[in-house]
Amino acid sequence: MTRTKKVGVTGRFGARYGRKAKRTVKGIEEKMKKDHVCPKCDRIGVKRVSTGIWKCKKCGTVFTGGAYIPQTPMAKTAARNIKRIVGEGS
């Protein structure tokens, strides 16, 4: 097996596709495969089931999110704005 210290998970592509494309894929896949926190039980154990579908191994909660990360930056912004608006009304 060859060494893949620099290229990491994209070592499977070999000399194909170019440096920039492989670097992009590496960033996406590393974010996707790292440990994520469950929004319901606040434990680490969320895994990707399919594109945009995530499941917590601990509590079994299945929820939708981003294609590569459980909660997209836009969803975080929207949740923060909704919380602010609802908080002002009461």
C-alpha atoms as a PDB file:
ATOM      1  CA  MET A   1       0.000   0.000   0.000  1.00  0.00           C
ATOM      2  CA  THR A   2       1.248   3.476  -0.805  1.00  0.00           C
ATOM      3  CA  ARG A   3       1.716   6.251   1.698  1.00  0.00           C
ATOM      4  CA  THR A   4      -1.120   8.786   1.865  1.00  0.00           C
ATOM      5  CA  LYS A   5      -0.018  11.214   4.570  1.00  0.00           C
ATOM      6  CA  LYS A   6      -0.578  14.328   2.455  1.00  0.00           C
ATOM      7  CA  VAL A   7      -3.582  13.238   0.442  1.00  0.00           C
ATOM      8  CA  GLY A   8      -5.392  11.315   3.207  1.00  0.00           C
ATOM      9  CA  VAL A   9      -8.722   9.816   2.143  1.00  0.00           C
ATOM     10  CA  THR A  10      -8.195  10.907  -1.471  1.00  0.00           C
ATOM     11  CA  GLY A  11      -5.232   8.576  -1.898  1.00  0.00           C
ATOM     12  CA  ARG A  12      -7.624   6.191  -3.613  1.00  0.00           C
ATOM     13  CA  PHE A  13      -7.735   8.533  -6.623  1.00  0.00           C
ATOM     14  CA  GLY A  14      -4.030   8.146  -7.372  1.00  0.00           C
ATOM     15  CA  ALA A  15      -2.658  10.588  -9.941  1.00  0.00           C
ATOM     16  CA  ARG A  16      -6.091  11.422 -11.358  1.00  0.00           C
ATOM     17  CA  TYR A  17      -8.361  14.510 -11.043  1.00  0.00           C
ATOM     18  CA  GLY A  18      -5.797  17.130  -9.969  1.00  0.00           C
ATOM     19  CA  ARG A  19      -4.732  18.661  -6.709  1.00  0.00           C
ATOM     20  CA  LYS A  20      -7.538  21.191  -6.209  1.00  0.00           C
ATOM     21  CA  ALA A  21     -10.357  18.688  -6.786  1.00  0.00           C
ATOM     22  CA  LYS A  22      -8.771  16.166  -4.430  1.00  0.00           C
ATOM     23  CA  ARG A  23      -8.228  18.828  -1.766  1.00  0.00           C
ATOM     24  CA  THR A  24     -11.906  19.808  -1.972  1.00  0.00           C
ATOM     25  CA  VAL A  25     -13.043  16.191  -1.673  1.00  0.00           C
ATOM     26  CA  LYS A  26     -10.678  15.650   1.250  1.00  0.00           C
ATOM     27  CA  GLY A  27     -12.156  18.576   3.181  1.00  0.00           C
ATOM     28  CA  ILE A  28     -15.742  17.480   2.544  1.00  0.00           C
ATOM     29  CA  GLU A  29     -15.155  13.832   3.463  1.00  0.00           C
ATOM     30  CA  GLU A  30     -13.219  14.650   6.625  1.00  0.00           C
ATOM     31  CA  LYS A  31     -16.044  16.913   7.836  1.00  0.00           C
ATOM     32  CA  MET A  32     -18.626  14.282   6.927  1.00  0.00           C
ATOM     33  CA  LYS A  33     -16.884  11.409   8.718  1.00  0.00           C
ATOM     34  CA  LYS A  34     -15.920  13.201  11.932  1.00  0.00           C
ATOM     35  CA  ASP A  35     -17.957  12.801  15.133  1.00  0.00           C
ATOM     36  CA  HIS A  36     -21.128  14.895  15.277  1.00  0.00           C
ATOM     37  CA  VAL A  37     -23.358  15.797  18.222  1.00  0.00           C
ATOM     38  CA  CYS A  38     -27.001  14.655  18.296  1.00  0.00           C
ATOM     39  CA  PRO A  39     -29.460  17.581  18.499  1.00  0.00           C
ATOM     40  CA  LYS A  40     -31.810  15.572  20.730  1.00  0.00           C
ATOM     41  CA  CYS A  41     -29.606  13.783  23.275  1.00  0.00           C
ATOM     42  CA  ASP A  42     -26.458  15.994  22.948  1.00  0.00           C
ATOM     43  CA  ARG A  43     -24.150  12.995  22.665  1.00  0.00           C
ATOM     44  CA  ILE A  44     -21.554  12.249  20.049  1.00  0.00           C
ATOM     45  CA  GLY A  45     -22.743   9.451  17.799  1.00  0.00           C
ATOM     46  CA  VAL A  46     -24.442  10.865  14.703  1.00  0.00           C
ATOM     47  CA  LYS A  47     -23.664   9.104  11.447  1.00  0.00           C
ATOM     48  CA  ARG A  48     -24.768   9.782   7.879  1.00  0.00           C
ATOM     49  CA  VAL A  49     -27.291   7.245   6.573  1.00  0.00           C
ATOM     50  CA  SER A  50     -27.804   8.761   3.139  1.00  0.00           C
ATOM     51  CA  THR A  51     -27.553  12.159   1.470  1.00  0.00           C
ATOM     52  CA  GLY A  52     -29.071  14.605   3.967  1.00  0.00           C
ATOM     53  CA  ILE A  53     -30.290  11.876   6.360  1.00  0.00           C
ATOM     54  CA  TRP A  54     -28.535  11.462   9.701  1.00  0.00           C
ATOM     55  CA  LYS A  55     -29.066   8.987  12.552  1.00  0.00           C
ATOM     56  CA  CYS A  56     -27.910   9.007  16.159  1.00  0.00           C
ATOM     57  CA  LYS A  57     -26.421   5.684  17.256  1.00  0.00           C
ATOM     58  CA  LYS A  58     -27.207   6.399  20.920  1.00  0.00           C
ATOM     59  CA  CYS A  59     -30.885   7.424  20.924  1.00  0.00           C
ATOM     60  CA  GLY A  60     -31.909   6.298  17.426  1.00  0.00           C
ATOM     61  CA  THR A  61     -33.164   9.712  16.319  1.00  0.00           C
ATOM     62  CA  VAL A  62     -33.294  10.094  12.548  1.00  0.00           C
ATOM     63  CA  PHE A  63     -33.274  13.645  11.200  1.00  0.00           C
ATOM     64  CA  THR A  64     -32.520  15.601   8.062  1.00  0.00           C
ATOM     65  CA  GLY A  65     -29.660  18.000   7.649  1.00  0.00           C
ATOM     66  CA  GLY A  66     -27.085  18.984   5.111  1.00  0.00           C
ATOM     67  CA  ALA A  67     -25.681  16.608   2.535  1.00  0.00           C
ATOM     68  CA  TYR A  68     -22.270  16.414   4.189  1.00  0.00           C
ATOM     69  CA  ILE A  69     -22.800  17.849   7.687  1.00  0.00           C
ATOM     70  CA  PRO A  70     -25.798  17.401   9.991  1.00  0.00           C
ATOM     71  CA  GLN A  71     -26.476  21.109  10.417  1.00  0.00           C
ATOM     72  CA  THR A  72     -25.548  23.566   7.701  1.00  0.00           C
ATOM     73  CA  PRO A  73     -24.287  27.074   8.477  1.00  0.00           C
ATOM     74  CA  MET A  74     -27.479  28.513   6.960  1.00  0.00           C
ATOM     75  CA  ALA A  75     -29.632  26.361   9.257  1.00  0.00           C
ATOM     76  CA  LYS A  76     -27.677  27.616  12.277  1.00  0.00           C
ATOM     77  CA  THR A  77     -28.274  31.221  11.189  1.00  0.00           C
ATOM     78  CA  ALA A  78     -31.992  30.591  10.618  1.00  0.00           C
ATOM     79  CA  ALA A  79     -32.387  28.921  14.024  1.00  0.00           C
ATOM     80  CA  ARG A  80     -30.619  31.837  15.721  1.00  0.00           C
ATOM     81  CA  ASN A  81     -32.889  34.381  13.954  1.00  0.00           C
ATOM     82  CA  ILE A  82     -36.052  32.445  14.800  1.00  0.00           C
ATOM     83  CA  LYS A  83     -34.979  32.206  18.429  1.00  0.00           C
ATOM     84  CA  ARG A  84     -34.304  35.960  18.496  1.00  0.00           C
ATOM     85  CA  ILE A  85     -37.673  36.832  16.920  1.00  0.00           C
ATOM     86  CA  VAL A  86     -39.657  34.485  19.163  1.00  0.00           C
ATOM     87  CA  GLY A  87     -37.767  35.742  22.219  1.00  0.00           C
ATOM     88  CA  GLU A  88     -38.673  39.374  21.445  1.00  0.00           C
ATOM     89  CA  GLY A  89     -42.390  38.648  21.088  1.00  0.00           C
ATOM     90  CA  SER A  90     -42.826  37.185  24.567  1.00  0.00           C
END
